Amino acid sequence: MAKFKMDKKDFDNLVKDLEILPEEVMENAEPVMKKATPKRSGNARSKTNYKNGTTTILADYDYAGRLDEGWSKQAPNGFTDQTIDFIDREISRQVGRL
């Protein structure tokens, strides 16, 4: 017979760390998305922002979809795929340290 016992305090701390993880990851992902966003006039980058306290990075301009589909020669692969790759790596890294 095997017996396993978990310290409730340790478990509660782990849950707290996991609760803030999504917001922390998105906040760290915002600069990655901004850097991958084409910059001609600066409008697209200036209107790409993390909404504090959420899990949202908003590209708040009419042509965001076109830029993400590779319309710009500066970002022929768009910007969301790079950001999603960063988010995947960041989640793995942070969960691994827990």
C-alpha atoms as a PDB file:
ATOM      1  CA  MET A   1       0.000   0.000   0.000  1.00  0.00           C
ATOM      2  CA  ALA A   2       1.239   3.447  -0.882  1.00  0.00           C
ATOM      3  CA  LYS A   3       0.290   6.560   0.999  1.00  0.00           C
ATOM      4  CA  PHE A   4       0.441  10.089  -0.318  1.00  0.00           C
ATOM      5  CA  LYS A   5      -0.088  13.192   1.778  1.00  0.00           C
ATOM      6  CA  MET A   6      -0.144  16.761   0.505  1.00  0.00           C
ATOM      7  CA  ASP A   7       0.352  19.821   2.655  1.00  0.00           C
ATOM      8  CA  LYS A   8      -2.747  22.013   2.227  1.00  0.00           C
ATOM      9  CA  LYS A   9      -0.694  25.209   2.543  1.00  0.00           C
ATOM     10  CA  ASP A  10       1.623  24.117  -0.290  1.00  0.00           C
ATOM     11  CA  PHE A  11      -1.389  23.208  -2.417  1.00  0.00           C
ATOM     12  CA  ASP A  12      -3.062  26.574  -1.759  1.00  0.00           C
ATOM     13  CA  ASN A  13       0.154  28.400  -2.739  1.00  0.00           C
ATOM     14  CA  LEU A  14       0.358  26.393  -5.956  1.00  0.00           C
ATOM     15  CA  VAL A  15      -3.245  27.271  -6.819  1.00  0.00           C
ATOM     16  CA  LYS A  16      -2.526  30.987  -6.219  1.00  0.00           C
ATOM     17  CA  ASP A  17       0.482  30.809  -8.541  1.00  0.00           C
ATOM     18  CA  LEU A  18      -1.615  29.126 -11.228  1.00  0.00           C
ATOM     19  CA  GLU A  19      -4.414  31.699 -10.903  1.00  0.00           C
ATOM     20  CA  ILE A  20      -2.146  34.623 -11.805  1.00  0.00           C
ATOM     21  CA  LEU A  21      -0.313  32.734 -14.552  1.00  0.00           C
ATOM     22  CA  PRO A  22      -2.607  33.670 -17.486  1.00  0.00           C
ATOM     23  CA  GLU A  23      -2.448  37.416 -16.802  1.00  0.00           C
ATOM     24  CA  GLU A  24       1.298  37.339 -16.191  1.00  0.00           C
ATOM     25  CA  VAL A  25       1.939  35.428 -19.411  1.00  0.00           C
ATOM     26  CA  MET A  26      -0.187  37.836 -21.463  1.00  0.00           C
ATOM     27  CA  GLU A  27       1.532  40.854 -19.943  1.00  0.00           C
ATOM     28  CA  ASN A  28       4.890  39.331 -20.944  1.00  0.00           C
ATOM     29  CA  ALA A  29       3.543  38.525 -24.426  1.00  0.00           C
ATOM     30  CA  GLU A  30       2.532  42.110 -25.247  1.00  0.00           C
ATOM     31  CA  PRO A  31       6.072  43.313 -26.100  1.00  0.00           C
ATOM     32  CA  VAL A  32       6.567  40.213 -28.270  1.00  0.00           C
ATOM     33  CA  MET A  33       3.400  40.980 -30.242  1.00  0.00           C
ATOM     34  CA  LYS A  34       4.286  44.668 -30.562  1.00  0.00           C
ATOM     35  CA  LYS A  35       7.773  43.850 -31.841  1.00  0.00           C
ATOM     36  CA  ALA A  36       6.348  41.423 -34.420  1.00  0.00           C
ATOM     37  CA  THR A  37       3.800  44.018 -35.595  1.00  0.00           C
ATOM     38  CA  PRO A  38       4.943  45.942 -38.691  1.00  0.00           C
ATOM     39  CA  LYS A  39       5.983  49.532 -38.120  1.00  0.00           C
ATOM     40  CA  ARG A  40       5.548  52.029 -40.896  1.00  0.00           C
ATOM     41  CA  SER A  41       3.802  54.933 -39.219  1.00  0.00           C
ATOM     42  CA  GLY A  42       3.761  53.372 -35.730  1.00  0.00           C
ATOM     43  CA  ASN A  43      -0.045  53.327 -35.571  1.00  0.00           C
ATOM     44  CA  ALA A  44      -0.365  49.539 -35.415  1.00  0.00           C
ATOM     45  CA  ARG A  45       2.203  49.168 -32.651  1.00  0.00           C
ATOM     46  CA  SER A  46       0.829  52.049 -30.618  1.00  0.00           C
ATOM     47  CA  LYS A  47      -2.663  50.550 -30.771  1.00  0.00           C
ATOM     48  CA  THR A  48      -1.536  47.062 -29.746  1.00  0.00           C
ATOM     49  CA  ASN A  49      -1.877  46.844 -25.976  1.00  0.00           C
ATOM     50  CA  TYR A  50      -2.329  44.444 -23.104  1.00  0.00           C
ATOM     51  CA  LYS A  51      -5.516  45.156 -21.173  1.00  0.00           C
ATOM     52  CA  ASN A  52      -4.423  45.164 -17.509  1.00  0.00           C
ATOM     53  CA  GLY A  53      -5.965  42.504 -15.312  1.00  0.00           C
ATOM     54  CA  THR A  54      -7.151  40.412 -18.274  1.00  0.00           C
ATOM     55  CA  THR A  55      -5.925  37.753 -20.652  1.00  0.00           C
ATOM     56  CA  THR A  56      -6.275  40.046 -23.664  1.00  0.00           C
ATOM     57  CA  ILE A  57      -3.859  41.766 -25.993  1.00  0.00           C
ATOM     58  CA  LEU A  58      -5.879  43.978 -28.282  1.00  0.00           C
ATOM     59  CA  ALA A  59      -4.778  45.057 -31.759  1.00  0.00           C
ATOM     60  CA  ASP A  60      -7.225  47.961 -31.898  1.00  0.00           C
ATOM     61  CA  TYR A  61      -7.060  49.172 -35.499  1.00  0.00           C
ATOM     62  CA  ASP A  62      -9.079  48.355 -38.592  1.00  0.00           C
ATOM     63  CA  TYR A  63      -6.376  46.643 -40.620  1.00  0.00           C
ATOM     64  CA  ALA A  64      -5.040  44.268 -37.912  1.00  0.00           C
ATOM     65  CA  GLY A  65      -6.439  41.242 -39.743  1.00  0.00           C
ATOM     66  CA  ARG A  66      -4.747  42.194 -42.984  1.00  0.00           C
ATOM     67  CA  LEU A  67      -1.391  42.714 -41.284  1.00  0.00           C
ATOM     68  CA  ASP A  68      -1.694  39.389 -39.490  1.00  0.00           C
ATOM     69  CA  GLU A  69      -2.423  37.644 -42.789  1.00  0.00           C
ATOM     70  CA  GLY A  70       0.940  38.809 -44.159  1.00  0.00           C
ATOM     71  CA  TRP A  71      -0.163  41.920 -46.044  1.00  0.00           C
ATOM     72  CA  SER A  72       2.941  43.798 -44.902  1.00  0.00           C
ATOM     73  CA  LYS A  73       6.388  42.931 -46.236  1.00  0.00           C
ATOM     74  CA  GLN A  74       7.728  43.767 -42.763  1.00  0.00           C
ATOM     75  CA  ALA A  75       5.771  40.864 -41.268  1.00  0.00           C
ATOM     76  CA  PRO A  76       4.953  38.415 -44.050  1.00  0.00           C
ATOM     77  CA  ASN A  77       4.064  35.742 -41.466  1.00  0.00           C
ATOM     78  CA  GLY A  78       1.868  38.031 -39.397  1.00  0.00           C
ATOM     79  CA  PHE A  79       2.274  38.591 -35.692  1.00  0.00           C
ATOM     80  CA  THR A  80      -0.130  36.333 -33.814  1.00  0.00           C
ATOM     81  CA  ASP A  81       1.631  33.042 -34.613  1.00  0.00           C
ATOM     82  CA  GLN A  82       4.868  34.381 -33.127  1.00  0.00           C
ATOM     83  CA  THR A  83       2.993  35.601 -30.083  1.00  0.00           C
ATOM     84  CA  ILE A  84       1.210  32.266 -29.619  1.00  0.00           C
ATOM     85  CA  ASP A  85       4.549  30.446 -29.855  1.00  0.00           C
ATOM     86  CA  PHE A  86       5.942  32.738 -27.148  1.00  0.00           C
ATOM     87  CA  ILE A  87       2.873  32.148 -24.946  1.00  0.00           C
ATOM     88  CA  ASP A  88       3.256  28.361 -25.303  1.00  0.00           C
ATOM     89  CA  ARG A  89       6.934  28.530 -24.325  1.00  0.00           C
ATOM     90  CA  GLU A  90       6.258  30.934 -21.459  1.00  0.00           C
ATOM     91  CA  ILE A  91       3.491  28.771 -19.983  1.00  0.00           C
ATOM     92  CA  SER A  92       5.706  25.689 -20.176  1.00  0.00           C
ATOM     93  CA  ARG A  93       8.562  27.572 -18.535  1.00  0.00           C
ATOM     94  CA  GLN A  94       6.467  28.983 -15.717  1.00  0.00           C
ATOM     95  CA  VAL A  95       4.553  25.783 -15.018  1.00  0.00           C
ATOM     96  CA  GLY A  96       7.865  23.920 -15.006  1.00  0.00           C
ATOM     97  CA  ARG A  97       9.214  26.126 -12.243  1.00  0.00           C
ATOM     98  CA  LEU A  98       6.192  25.432 -10.028  1.00  0.00           C
END
